Structures are given as structure tokens and as C-alpha cells.
Protein backbone atom coordinates (compact mmCIF):
# COMPACT_ATOMS: atom_id res chain seq x y z
CA UNK A 1 -50.35 11.89 38.42
CA UNK A 2 -50.81 8.34 37.18
CA UNK A 3 -49.29 5.24 38.76
CA UNK A 4 -46.81 4.46 36.01
CA UNK A 5 -45.58 8.06 36.07
CA UNK A 6 -45.05 7.89 39.84
CA UNK A 7 -43.17 4.61 39.54
CA UNK A 8 -40.96 5.99 36.81
CA UNK A 9 -40.14 9.13 38.79
CA UNK A 10 -39.49 7.17 41.99
CA UNK A 11 -37.21 4.73 40.23
CA UNK A 12 -35.37 7.46 38.32
CA UNK A 13 -34.94 9.98 41.13
CA UNK A 14 -34.66 7.62 44.08
CA UNK A 15 -31.31 9.25 44.90
CA UNK A 16 -33.17 12.40 46.01
CA UNK A 17 -35.42 10.56 48.48
CA UNK A 18 -34.52 10.58 52.16
CA UNK A 19 -32.46 7.46 52.94
CA UNK A 20 -33.41 5.06 55.69
CA UNK A 21 -31.40 5.18 58.88
CA UNK A 22 -29.19 2.06 59.04
CA UNK A 23 -30.09 -0.38 61.77
CA UNK A 24 -33.32 1.39 62.66
CA UNK A 25 -36.65 -0.34 62.19
CA UNK A 26 -38.90 2.06 60.33
CA UNK A 27 -42.33 1.88 58.81
CA UNK A 28 -40.75 1.45 55.38
CA UNK A 29 -39.92 -2.15 56.33
CA UNK A 30 -43.57 -2.92 57.08
CA UNK A 31 -45.96 -3.87 54.30
CA UNK A 32 -49.34 -2.29 54.88
CA UNK A 33 -51.13 -5.15 53.13
CA UNK A 34 -49.43 -7.67 55.43
CA UNK A 35 -50.38 -5.63 58.48
CA UNK A 36 -54.06 -5.85 57.55
CA UNK A 37 -53.67 -9.39 56.17
CA UNK A 38 -55.29 -8.56 52.82
CA UNK A 39 -54.10 -9.13 49.23
CA UNK A 40 -52.90 -6.21 47.15
CA UNK A 41 -55.99 -6.35 44.95
CA UNK A 42 -58.41 -6.16 47.91
CA UNK A 43 -61.34 -3.80 47.54
CA UNK A 44 -62.51 -1.18 50.05
CA UNK A 45 -64.96 -3.51 51.82
CA UNK A 46 -62.32 -6.19 52.36
CA UNK A 47 -59.91 -3.61 53.78
CA UNK A 48 -62.57 -2.29 56.15
CA UNK A 49 -63.43 -5.79 57.42
CA UNK A 50 -59.77 -6.64 57.89
CA UNK A 51 -59.23 -3.42 59.84
CA UNK A 52 -62.06 -4.22 62.25
CA UNK A 53 -60.71 -7.71 62.76
CA UNK A 54 -57.16 -6.51 63.37
CA UNK A 55 -58.41 -3.78 65.71
CA UNK A 56 -59.88 -6.42 68.01
CA UNK A 57 -56.55 -8.24 67.99
CA UNK A 58 -54.15 -5.31 68.40
CA UNK A 59 -56.05 -2.79 70.49
CA UNK A 60 -54.19 -2.24 73.81
CA UNK A 61 -57.39 -2.61 75.85
CA UNK A 62 -58.18 -5.96 74.23
CA UNK A 63 -54.61 -7.12 74.79
CA UNK A 64 -54.81 -6.25 78.49
CA UNK A 65 -57.87 -8.43 78.80
CA UNK A 66 -55.84 -11.30 77.30
CA UNK A 67 -52.84 -10.70 79.53
CA UNK A 68 -50.86 -8.80 76.82
CA UNK A 69 -50.57 -11.97 74.74
CA UNK A 70 -50.40 -11.61 70.97
CA UNK A 71 -49.88 -14.68 68.75
CA UNK A 72 -48.69 -16.68 71.73
CA UNK A 73 -46.14 -14.07 72.85
CA UNK A 74 -46.25 -11.57 75.72
CA UNK A 75 -45.63 -8.01 74.51
CA UNK A 76 -45.26 -4.74 76.36
CA UNK A 77 -47.62 -1.80 76.42
CA UNK A 78 -45.28 0.19 74.18
CA UNK A 79 -45.05 -2.59 71.60
CA UNK A 80 -48.83 -2.99 71.58
CA UNK A 81 -49.33 0.73 71.10
CA UNK A 82 -46.74 0.86 68.31
CA UNK A 83 -48.29 -2.07 66.42
CA UNK A 84 -51.77 -0.61 66.72
CA UNK A 85 -50.58 2.76 65.40
CA UNK A 86 -48.88 1.08 62.45
CA UNK A 87 -52.04 -0.86 61.69
CA UNK A 88 -54.11 2.34 61.95
CA UNK A 89 -51.69 4.13 59.59
CA UNK A 90 -51.98 1.23 57.14
CA UNK A 91 -55.77 1.48 57.15
CA UNK A 92 -55.73 5.28 56.74
CA UNK A 93 -53.51 4.86 53.68
CA UNK A 94 -55.25 1.96 51.96
CA UNK A 95 -58.79 3.28 52.44
CA UNK A 96 -57.91 6.46 50.53
CA UNK A 97 -57.71 5.70 46.78
CA UNK A 98 -55.16 8.46 46.07
CA UNK A 99 -52.89 7.53 48.97
CA UNK A 100 -53.18 3.86 48.06
CA UNK A 101 -52.18 4.60 44.47
CA UNK A 102 -49.12 6.55 45.62
CA UNK A 103 -48.22 3.85 48.15
CA UNK A 104 -48.47 1.09 45.54
CA UNK A 105 -46.23 3.08 43.21
CA UNK A 106 -43.67 4.56 45.61
CA UNK A 107 -43.92 2.71 48.89
CA UNK A 108 -44.06 4.35 52.30
CA UNK A 109 -40.96 6.50 51.89
CA UNK A 110 -42.02 7.91 48.54
CA UNK A 111 -45.57 8.42 49.75
CA UNK A 112 -44.41 10.56 52.67
CA UNK A 113 -42.25 12.57 50.27
CA UNK A 114 -45.20 13.23 47.93
CA UNK A 115 -47.97 13.82 50.50
CA UNK A 116 -45.88 15.85 52.96
CA UNK A 117 -43.29 17.56 50.74
CA UNK A 118 -41.95 19.85 53.45
CA UNK A 119 -38.42 19.60 52.01
CA UNK A 120 -39.29 18.50 48.47
CA UNK A 121 -38.30 21.85 46.97
CA UNK A 122 -35.39 22.65 49.28
CA UNK A 123 -32.18 22.26 47.24
CA UNK A 124 -30.07 21.80 50.37
CA UNK A 125 -32.19 18.84 51.50
CA UNK A 126 -32.21 17.31 48.01
CA UNK A 127 -28.45 17.62 47.67
CA UNK A 128 -28.02 16.18 51.16
CA UNK A 129 -30.16 13.17 50.24
CA UNK A 130 -28.15 12.77 47.03
CA UNK A 131 -24.90 12.74 49.00
CA UNK A 132 -26.29 10.08 51.38
CA UNK A 133 -27.73 7.89 48.60
CA UNK A 134 -26.11 4.68 47.45
CA UNK A 135 -23.58 4.49 44.64
CA UNK A 136 -26.08 2.55 42.51
CA UNK A 137 -28.72 5.28 42.77
CA UNK A 138 -26.27 8.02 41.85
CA UNK A 139 -24.78 6.03 38.97
CA UNK A 140 -28.26 5.18 37.71
CA UNK A 141 -29.30 8.83 37.78
CA UNK A 142 -26.20 9.96 35.90
CA UNK A 143 -26.51 7.19 33.31
CA UNK A 144 -30.16 7.97 32.67
CA UNK A 145 -29.41 11.67 32.25
CA UNK A 146 -26.63 10.93 29.73
CA UNK A 147 -28.78 8.41 27.84
CA UNK A 148 -31.72 10.77 27.69
CA UNK A 149 -29.78 13.72 26.34
CA UNK A 150 -27.82 11.44 24.04
CA UNK A 151 -31.01 10.02 22.52
CA UNK A 152 -32.60 13.44 22.24
CA UNK A 153 -29.61 14.99 20.49
CA UNK A 154 -28.40 12.02 18.46
CA UNK A 155 -31.61 11.31 16.57
CA UNK A 156 -32.11 14.78 14.97
CA UNK A 157 -28.37 14.94 14.23
CA UNK A 158 -28.52 11.68 12.25
CA UNK A 159 -31.68 12.72 10.37
CA UNK A 160 -30.23 16.12 9.42
CA UNK A 161 -26.93 14.55 8.33
CA UNK A 162 -28.72 12.06 6.03
CA UNK A 163 -30.89 14.78 4.45
CA UNK A 164 -27.84 16.99 3.83
CA UNK A 165 -25.96 14.16 2.15
CA UNK A 166 -29.00 13.28 0.01
CA UNK A 167 -29.15 16.87 -1.26
CA UNK A 168 -25.42 17.09 -1.98
CA UNK A 169 -24.04 16.02 -5.34
CA UNK A 170 -21.22 13.93 -3.93
CA UNK A 171 -23.40 12.33 -1.25
CA UNK A 172 -21.88 10.64 1.76
CA UNK A 173 -21.85 7.61 4.02
CA UNK A 174 -25.43 8.19 5.20
CA UNK A 175 -26.90 8.83 1.75
CA UNK A 176 -27.73 5.19 1.13
CA UNK A 177 -28.28 4.30 4.79
CA UNK A 178 -31.60 2.70 5.65
CA UNK A 179 -34.09 4.88 7.46
CA UNK A 180 -34.96 1.99 9.76
CA UNK A 181 -31.33 1.72 10.82
CA UNK A 182 -31.02 5.49 11.10
CA UNK A 183 -33.79 5.60 13.68
CA UNK A 184 -32.16 3.09 16.05
CA UNK A 185 -32.02 5.64 18.92
CA UNK A 186 -35.77 6.17 18.56
CA UNK A 187 -36.46 2.40 18.57
CA UNK A 188 -34.40 1.97 21.75
CA UNK A 189 -36.21 4.79 23.48
CA UNK A 190 -39.56 3.39 22.31
CA UNK A 191 -38.87 -0.04 23.80
CA UNK A 192 -37.68 1.48 27.06
CA UNK A 193 -40.77 3.69 27.38
CA UNK A 194 -43.11 0.82 26.47
CA UNK A 195 -41.61 -1.32 29.23
CA UNK A 196 -42.30 1.43 31.73
CA UNK A 197 -45.91 1.58 30.58
CA UNK A 198 -46.23 -2.19 30.92
CA UNK A 199 -44.81 -2.08 34.46
CA UNK A 200 -47.23 0.69 35.36
CA UNK A 201 -50.17 -1.19 33.77
CA UNK A 202 -51.12 1.88 31.75
CA UNK A 203 -53.16 0.19 29.02
CA UNK A 204 -54.47 3.17 27.07
CA UNK A 205 -51.16 5.12 27.03
CA UNK A 206 -49.41 1.90 25.98
CA UNK A 207 -51.80 1.45 23.05
CA UNK A 208 -51.25 5.07 22.01
CA UNK A 209 -47.49 4.65 22.07
CA UNK A 210 -47.60 1.38 20.12
CA UNK A 211 -49.67 2.86 17.30
CA UNK A 212 -47.42 5.92 17.14
CA UNK A 213 -44.32 3.73 16.81
CA UNK A 214 -46.04 1.57 14.18
CA UNK A 215 -46.86 4.69 12.17
CA UNK A 216 -43.23 5.83 12.28
CA UNK A 217 -42.14 2.32 11.24
CA UNK A 218 -44.48 2.38 8.23
CA UNK A 219 -43.06 5.75 7.18
CA UNK A 220 -39.47 4.49 7.36
CA UNK A 221 -40.39 1.42 5.32
CA UNK A 222 -42.04 3.70 2.76
CA UNK A 223 -38.89 5.84 2.57
CA UNK A 224 -36.80 2.69 2.15
CA UNK A 225 -39.17 1.62 -0.68
CA UNK A 226 -40.17 -1.54 1.11
CA UNK A 227 -43.84 -0.53 1.17
CA UNK A 228 -45.62 0.91 -1.87
CA UNK A 229 -48.85 1.93 -0.13
CA UNK A 230 -50.51 5.27 -0.58
CA UNK A 231 -49.98 7.71 2.24
CA UNK A 232 -53.68 7.67 3.05
CA UNK A 233 -53.38 3.98 3.95
CA UNK A 234 -49.92 4.39 5.39
CA UNK A 235 -51.18 6.86 7.99
CA UNK A 236 -53.79 4.47 9.43
CA UNK A 237 -51.73 3.97 12.64
CA UNK A 238 -51.72 7.76 13.10
CA UNK A 239 -55.52 7.83 12.73
CA UNK A 240 -55.85 5.25 15.47
CA UNK A 241 -53.29 7.09 17.62
CA UNK A 242 -55.28 10.32 17.37
CA UNK A 243 -58.53 8.51 18.11
CA UNK A 244 -57.05 6.92 21.26
CA UNK A 245 -55.76 10.31 22.41
CA UNK A 246 -59.22 11.78 21.90
CA UNK A 247 -60.84 8.97 23.93
CA UNK A 248 -58.26 9.33 26.68
CA UNK A 249 -58.76 13.10 26.93
CA UNK A 250 -62.55 12.71 26.91
CA UNK A 251 -62.48 10.12 29.70
CA UNK A 252 -60.09 12.32 31.65
CA UNK A 253 -62.45 15.30 31.35
CA UNK A 254 -65.38 13.17 32.49
CA UNK A 255 -63.43 12.02 35.54
CA UNK A 256 -62.42 15.57 36.41
CA UNK A 257 -66.00 16.82 36.08
CA UNK A 258 -67.22 13.97 38.28
CA UNK A 259 -64.67 14.95 40.93
CA UNK A 260 -65.67 18.62 40.71
CA UNK A 261 -69.35 17.75 41.12
CA UNK A 262 -68.54 15.79 44.30
CA UNK A 263 -66.62 18.61 45.96
CA UNK A 264 -68.17 20.10 49.09
CA UNK A 265 -67.06 22.15 52.05
CA UNK A 266 -66.98 20.76 55.58
CA UNK A 267 -69.68 23.29 56.54
CA UNK A 268 -71.98 21.92 53.82
CA UNK A 269 -71.32 18.35 54.94
CA UNK A 270 -72.10 19.14 58.56
CA UNK A 271 -75.22 21.17 57.74
CA UNK A 272 -76.95 19.18 55.01
CA UNK A 273 -75.46 15.67 55.27
CA UNK A 274 -74.50 14.90 58.86
CA UNK A 275 -77.20 17.02 60.49
CA UNK A 276 -79.87 16.56 57.87
CA UNK A 277 -83.28 17.60 59.14
CA UNK A 278 -85.34 14.52 59.92
CA UNK A 279 -89.12 14.36 59.84
CA UNK A 280 -91.66 12.29 61.66
CA UNK A 281 -94.42 10.20 60.13
CA UNK A 282 -96.64 13.27 59.68
CA UNK A 283 -93.95 15.14 57.75
CA UNK A 284 -93.12 17.56 60.55
CA UNK A 285 -89.51 18.48 61.35
CA UNK A 286 -88.17 16.83 64.47
CA UNK A 287 -86.94 19.46 66.89
CA UNK A 288 -84.05 19.23 69.36
CA UNK A 289 -81.92 17.08 67.05
CA UNK A 290 -78.37 16.37 68.14
CA UNK A 291 -75.87 18.51 66.23
CA UNK A 292 -72.73 16.59 65.26
CA UNK A 293 -69.55 17.65 63.52
CA UNK A 294 -67.35 15.72 61.11
CA UNK A 295 -64.94 14.86 63.91
CA UNK A 296 -67.78 13.27 65.90
CA UNK A 297 -68.32 10.58 63.22
CA UNK A 298 -66.93 7.09 63.49
CA UNK A 299 -64.66 5.49 60.88
CA UNK A 300 -67.48 3.86 58.94
CA UNK A 301 -69.51 7.07 58.67
CA UNK A 302 -66.45 9.03 57.55
CA UNK A 303 -65.68 6.44 54.87
CA UNK A 304 -69.22 6.69 53.52
CA UNK A 305 -69.00 10.48 53.35
CA UNK A 306 -65.54 10.38 51.73
CA UNK A 307 -66.88 8.05 49.05
CA UNK A 308 -69.83 10.29 48.24
CA UNK A 309 -68.06 13.66 48.54
CA UNK A 310 -64.65 15.23 48.11
CA UNK A 311 -64.10 17.56 51.06
CA UNK A 312 -62.23 20.70 50.03
CA UNK A 313 -60.22 23.00 52.27
CA UNK A 314 -61.21 26.62 51.69
CA UNK A 315 -58.56 29.21 52.57
CA UNK A 316 -59.68 32.36 54.40
CA UNK A 317 -60.87 35.12 52.11
CA UNK A 318 -58.66 38.18 51.94
CA UNK A 319 -60.55 41.36 52.86
CA UNK A 320 -59.52 44.95 52.76
CA UNK A 321 -59.62 46.88 56.03
CA UNK A 322 -63.03 48.29 56.69
CA UNK A 323 -64.86 45.85 54.42
CA UNK A 324 -67.99 44.23 55.72
CA UNK A 325 -67.07 40.80 57.02
CA UNK A 326 -70.69 39.76 57.29
CA UNK A 327 -71.17 39.54 53.49
CA UNK A 328 -72.51 36.09 52.77
CA UNK A 329 -70.54 34.05 50.27
CA UNK A 330 -72.12 31.36 48.16
CA UNK A 331 -70.99 27.82 48.91
CA UNK A 332 -69.98 27.28 45.29
CA UNK A 333 -67.84 30.42 45.38
CA UNK A 334 -66.06 29.07 48.44
CA UNK A 335 -65.43 25.77 46.66
CA UNK A 336 -63.94 27.63 43.70
CA UNK A 337 -61.34 29.22 46.02
CA UNK A 338 -60.16 25.84 47.31
CA UNK A 339 -56.84 24.38 46.04
CA UNK A 340 -58.59 21.10 45.18
CA UNK A 341 -60.96 22.86 42.79
CA UNK A 342 -58.16 24.91 41.25
CA UNK A 343 -56.13 21.76 40.63
CA UNK A 344 -59.13 20.03 39.03
CA UNK A 345 -59.77 23.10 36.90
CA UNK A 346 -56.16 23.10 35.67
CA UNK A 347 -56.41 19.39 34.75
CA UNK A 348 -59.67 20.06 32.92
CA UNK A 349 -58.09 22.88 30.91
CA UNK A 350 -55.08 20.71 30.06
CA UNK A 351 -57.29 17.92 28.69
CA UNK A 352 -59.39 20.44 26.77
CA UNK A 353 -56.25 21.83 25.13
CA UNK A 354 -55.28 18.30 24.04
CA UNK A 355 -58.62 17.93 22.27
CA UNK A 356 -58.22 21.38 20.74
CA UNK A 357 -54.78 20.49 19.36
CA UNK A 358 -56.22 17.39 17.72
CA UNK A 359 -58.70 19.40 15.68
CA UNK A 360 -56.37 22.36 15.14
CA UNK A 361 -53.75 21.74 13.77
CA UNK A 362 -53.12 17.96 13.74
CA UNK A 363 -56.10 16.60 11.78
CA UNK A 364 -56.16 19.39 9.11
CA UNK A 365 -52.38 19.17 8.77
CA UNK A 366 -52.51 15.42 8.25
CA UNK A 367 -55.22 15.78 5.60
CA UNK A 368 -53.24 18.42 3.68
CA UNK A 369 -50.08 16.32 3.77
CA UNK A 370 -51.95 13.27 2.41
CA UNK A 371 -53.47 15.34 -0.42
CA UNK A 372 -50.09 16.86 -1.22
CA UNK A 373 -48.30 13.50 -1.37
CA UNK A 374 -50.94 11.22 -2.91
CA UNK A 375 -52.37 13.80 -5.29
CA UNK A 376 -48.96 14.87 -6.58
CA UNK A 377 -49.86 18.47 -5.92
CA UNK A 378 -47.26 21.12 -6.43
CA UNK A 379 -48.43 23.17 -3.49
CA UNK A 380 -46.00 25.19 -1.48
CA UNK A 381 -45.08 23.24 1.64
CA UNK A 382 -45.33 26.42 3.66
CA UNK A 383 -49.02 26.63 2.74
CA UNK A 384 -49.43 22.92 3.40
CA UNK A 385 -48.34 23.54 6.97
CA UNK A 386 -50.73 26.50 7.30
CA UNK A 387 -52.79 24.85 10.12
CA UNK A 388 -49.59 24.53 12.13
CA UNK A 389 -48.71 28.20 11.61
CA UNK A 390 -52.24 29.25 12.64
CA UNK A 391 -52.10 27.13 15.79
CA UNK A 392 -48.67 28.51 16.70
CA UNK A 393 -49.95 32.06 16.12
CA UNK A 394 -52.89 31.56 18.49
CA UNK A 395 -50.61 29.88 21.04
CA UNK A 396 -48.29 32.88 20.88
CA UNK A 397 -51.18 35.34 21.20
CA UNK A 398 -52.61 33.38 24.11
CA UNK A 399 -49.24 33.33 25.85
CA UNK A 400 -48.74 37.06 25.35
CA UNK A 401 -52.26 37.77 26.58
CA UNK A 402 -51.73 35.63 29.65
CA UNK A 403 -48.36 37.21 30.40
CA UNK A 404 -49.19 40.87 29.77
CA UNK A 405 -52.93 41.47 29.63
CA UNK A 406 -53.95 39.18 32.47
CA UNK A 407 -51.45 40.74 34.86
CA UNK A 408 -52.47 44.21 33.69
CA UNK A 409 -56.15 43.45 34.20
CA UNK A 410 -55.41 42.06 37.65
CA UNK A 411 -53.49 45.25 38.46
CA UNK A 412 -56.43 47.36 37.24
CA UNK A 413 -58.86 45.33 39.35
CA UNK A 414 -56.67 45.86 42.41
CA UNK A 415 -56.53 49.60 41.74
CA UNK A 416 -60.31 49.78 41.29
CA UNK A 417 -60.85 47.84 44.50
CA UNK A 418 -58.50 50.18 46.38
CA UNK A 419 -60.24 53.24 44.88
CA UNK A 420 -63.63 51.90 45.95
CA UNK A 421 -62.28 51.18 49.42
CA UNK A 422 -60.87 54.71 49.82
CA UNK A 423 -64.09 56.22 48.47
CA UNK A 424 -66.11 54.27 51.05
CA UNK A 425 -63.78 55.44 53.82
CA UNK A 426 -64.13 59.04 52.61
CA UNK A 427 -67.92 58.83 52.56
CA UNK A 428 -67.95 57.21 56.01
CA UNK A 429 -65.78 59.98 57.46
CA UNK A 430 -67.95 62.59 55.77
CA UNK A 431 -71.07 61.06 57.25
CA UNK A 432 -69.47 60.89 60.69
CA UNK A 433 -68.42 64.54 60.50
CA UNK A 434 -71.90 65.52 59.36
CA UNK A 435 -73.50 63.69 62.26
CA UNK A 436 -71.09 65.32 64.72
CA UNK A 437 -71.84 68.75 63.28
CA UNK A 438 -75.59 68.14 63.49
CA UNK A 439 -75.18 66.97 67.07
CA UNK A 440 -73.20 70.08 68.05
CA UNK A 441 -75.68 72.34 66.31
CA UNK A 442 -78.51 70.61 68.12
CA UNK A 443 -76.84 71.10 71.48
CA UNK A 444 -76.15 74.79 70.77
CA UNK A 445 -79.72 75.35 69.62
CA UNK A 446 -81.00 73.63 72.73
CA UNK A 447 -78.82 75.81 74.95
CA UNK A 448 -79.94 78.97 73.16
CA UNK A 449 -83.56 77.92 73.43
CA UNK A 450 -83.13 77.26 77.14
CA UNK A 451 -81.61 80.69 77.61
CA UNK A 452 -84.34 82.31 75.57
CA UNK A 453 -87.11 80.55 77.40
CA UNK A 454 -85.63 81.17 80.83
CA UNK A 455 -84.70 84.79 80.14
CA UNK A 456 -81.45 84.17 81.91
CA UNK A 457 -77.90 84.97 81.11
CA UNK A 458 -74.56 83.32 81.55
CA UNK A 459 -71.22 84.90 82.18
CA UNK A 460 -67.83 83.22 82.14
CA UNK A 461 -64.88 84.77 83.93
CA UNK A 462 -61.38 83.48 84.28
CA UNK A 463 -59.25 84.32 87.30
CA UNK A 464 -55.53 84.91 87.30
CA UNK A 465 -54.76 81.29 88.30
CA UNK A 466 -56.71 79.87 85.36
CA UNK A 467 -59.94 79.16 87.26
CA UNK A 468 -63.05 79.39 85.10
CA UNK A 469 -66.01 80.96 86.90
CA UNK A 470 -69.37 80.59 85.20
CA UNK A 471 -72.38 82.39 86.66
CA UNK A 472 -75.76 81.62 85.21
CA UNK A 473 -79.00 83.15 86.41
CA UNK A 474 -82.49 82.44 85.34
CA UNK A 475 -85.71 84.11 86.37
CA UNK A 476 -88.43 81.73 87.41
CA UNK A 477 -91.96 82.45 86.65
CA UNK A 478 -93.06 81.45 90.07
CA UNK A 479 -95.58 83.20 92.20
CA UNK A 480 -94.24 85.77 94.55
CA UNK A 481 -93.27 84.62 97.97
CA UNK A 482 -94.68 85.91 101.15
CA UNK A 483 -92.46 88.98 100.97
CA UNK A 484 -93.61 89.68 97.39
CA UNK A 485 -90.23 89.03 95.74
CA UNK A 486 -89.73 87.20 92.51
CA UNK A 487 -87.75 83.95 92.81
CA UNK A 488 -84.36 84.05 91.12
CA UNK A 489 -82.02 81.05 90.82
CA UNK A 490 -78.36 81.65 90.55
CA UNK A 491 -75.85 78.91 89.76
CA UNK A 492 -72.18 79.39 90.16
CA UNK A 493 -69.83 76.79 88.65
CA UNK A 494 -66.13 76.85 89.42
CA UNK A 495 -63.76 74.84 87.23
CA UNK A 496 -60.14 74.77 88.30
CA UNK A 497 -57.20 73.46 86.24
CA UNK A 498 -55.85 71.80 89.36
CA UNK A 499 -57.07 68.23 89.69
CA UNK A 500 -58.00 66.72 92.99
CA UNK A 501 -57.36 63.11 93.90
CA UNK A 502 -60.53 61.13 94.56
CA UNK A 503 -60.85 58.10 96.77
CA UNK A 504 -60.77 55.77 93.74
CA UNK A 505 -57.53 57.23 92.40
CA UNK A 506 -59.24 59.07 89.55
CA UNK A 507 -58.56 62.75 88.81
CA UNK A 508 -61.65 64.97 88.69
CA UNK A 509 -62.13 68.68 88.23
CA UNK A 510 -63.35 70.41 91.35
CA UNK A 511 -66.86 71.72 91.08
CA UNK A 512 -69.13 73.58 93.49
CA UNK A 513 -72.70 74.64 93.02
CA UNK A 514 -74.21 77.41 95.06
CA UNK A 515 -77.86 77.98 94.88
CA UNK A 516 -79.56 80.93 96.50
CA UNK A 517 -83.14 82.03 96.41
């Protein structure tokens, strides 16, 4: 938002801002430029030098070395700390171009309301501020609302009344009224708006508004038969007005693109800017370089980075359960998800639509009107306004598409993503079950092979108390012993449902192995 717009909003809706506590010394009473002892037109270098100078004067450690004396007076530790914090806040505000613009337009109270709008959209807080505001602020707000709606409604009412009386046979009081006099509400509004633009030092918008008003003035003089120019010459102010709008939109798009090209994440800054790989004289990378983060930089280094880049804040990416969190995301994709990039993209689209409206329908419509009026054509005025109807049709189609189709496509994308997610889960479960089945089959085959190779057998019996008794015997192909008997191993495993308490407090099933030759 531009400076003159901020000033207008702050002056108009000052009743909704939080009032200052009476009798309390707040930061709103302190001028940041006076704290740093710099003029209001100081550049960034002057502000930085002034901050370093004031830091040496107001830093609590420096004051202790001077016996807590500041400008010939002895101050306390708390006062020194408070003054240094105010000076630091002043520097943090003035070094940032956006914060400085808001501060110049709204002051400290308005800046806090814009930058930290924690209660900006809470109706209870706004109504509470309105109740605590001064009588002048409330009266000003009510008067401006009445004047605005009065001007908006009065002007079309007067124009319609004059046209009706001109078409009637008997006429009326407004039939012979001058068009210049009839547009008095518009002239008053024009002067008021131009004064706001002058206060805000908005040169290009002021020039646009002046040429628009001059074009309307020429038309009224033509209707009053004061001017006898052709409409092609009469519309020269409108040509210039359109050209200025085109230049303004083009410069705005260039500025937005420049901001978008400077956007970078904090990870990119720390990896490629702060910790840039340095090389020695032979061109070899220097190893064991100190890794620093953005918070490790001093004020001067941060200012240099903030001038060269616009650091964006990337929100965490929403992921469905079970998705791979290790998928690498391109740095540009992360920038696109940031609110700073989305805001710049919206501003770029808005300026592009302004240029689009100039070429369709404004310029073709103006050409057709000039041909219709100067050429004395008997065209149907509905066809003359055909570019306007086409533009309105496309606007309507675009609005319907954005309202219905975009939401439907987003819903379809969500459904497809959910279907893919469930399909992946199903395949993962299927693979897990297949692996478990293969593992069980492998164990059974191994057991069968062991039994086959050993020629043994296994028998499982269950006693009346639930004890499982497994007896397995296997014949060993060992040489006969001294008595000429073949060696046979018998293993008896007893598994009881009753658990025994171990020394570590863990429950284990009792087992016993008996081996006999």
C-alpha cells in the first residue's frame, strides 16, 4: 500500500486505532528521527552512521564508564536501558524501507497496528477503540461517511434527473441547467481527492487524476456548447490519462518482478551467501570453514543482505500420513509457498489486469465512440459498446470459473491424492503380508528339511492342566559306541501356562530340557 493511501486511511479511521493511555509516556511521543538525530530525508547510510554514534552514547556499558552521565545529567540503569531500547527500535524501523514508509505515514501507533494486527480484525476491539476515541475522531468519521455516500448518490441522481427532463416534452428545472453546475458534487470530490494526493506526494496518481478531471470538464463544456471541438480532439486528456495508467502499471510490474527475483529462503542465504565456499590462490576449496547462521551476523552484515535479498518465510509443507518426508523440494518451489511470494504474485496479477482492461475494452470503446460521434454514424449504441459487453462477458466467465471450476478441480486433486495415498498403503500392506508369508513358509520348509534329514519325529502332547509336552527325537549318524549301540538324542520340552517370576521381575515360561544318550 502506498504512502498517501496509508495516510488517508489513518486520518479517516483514526477512531479505530488504540488510544494512548493518558498521563503515560509511550513511544508514540518519541520521534524516531530525533532519537537518531537525523533529518527525515536521511538516506540509509546516514541512518546507519547515526545509529553507531548514538550507540556509543547510550549503551549502558559506555554510560557506566562515564559514571552514568548523559548530556550532563546522571541517569539510572533503568533509564539508560530504556533509552537504548528506544534508540534500537528507532533504528530497526528506519533501516527497513517498508517500516519507514508506514512510520512516516501513520506514526508509531499506526505502524504497530499495521505490522502487528493482532486485534485489527476483532470487531470487539475495534468497537472498544471507537468508544474510547475522542469526539473529534468520531464526528470526523461520521461526517466523512455521510459526505461520501451523499456524493456517490447525489451525482447520478442529478444526471438522471436532467436527462429525464431533457427527454420530456414539458421539461423541468434541470432541463436548461449547465452541465458544469450539475457536476458540482464531482468537482468537490475531485478537489478533496487531489489534496490527499498532494499531501501523500503521489505524483503519478495525481497527474492521472488531473487529466481525468480535465477530460470530464471538456465534455461538460462541449455539452454546454462552450467548446466546438471534435470529439477526437476533445478526448485528448483521456488519451493522456490512459497512457499514464499504462506507465504506472508497467512500472509497478517491473518493481514486483524485481522483488520476486530478490526473494530467497534463509537456508539459501546461509548456504550460498553467508557460508560461501572460499578458495585459495590455487583455486582449491578451503576446508574447515566456520559455519555461521543468519543470527550470527552483525547489524552491518544483516543490512547488506537485506538490501540484496528479500528473505521469505516458508510455512511447513503439509504431508499426508505415510508420505516420504525425505523428498527433496526445489528452493524455488519453497519460495512459491511463502506468503511474501503469494502477495507479490497477487500484486503482479492486479497490475496485469489493469493493462488488460486498457486494451480491452477501454481503447476500442473510445475509438468506436469517437467514430460514432464525429462521423455522424447511425450505428446502434449497443453495438458501439460491444467491447464493453465482451469484456464483461469474459469477466463473468472468469469469475464463474474461479468460483466453481477452480474449487471443483481442487476437490478432484484432493481426491486423487487421497486415492494415491490409500493405494500406496494397500500395496505396502500387501508387500508386508507377502514377506511374512514367505518368511513363515521358509521356516516351515526349514523345519521339515531338518526333520527329513535327521530322520526324527516330534510329538506334542497336552496334559490336563494345559501343559504342552513336546518330545523330539533324532537319530544321529554317529559311530557305534563301545557297547555297539546307535546314539539317539531325545529332547523333551515342557511349556506350562503358569508363568514363573524371574529375578528381574519379568514373566517367563518354564522350560526344561532333558537330554539322554
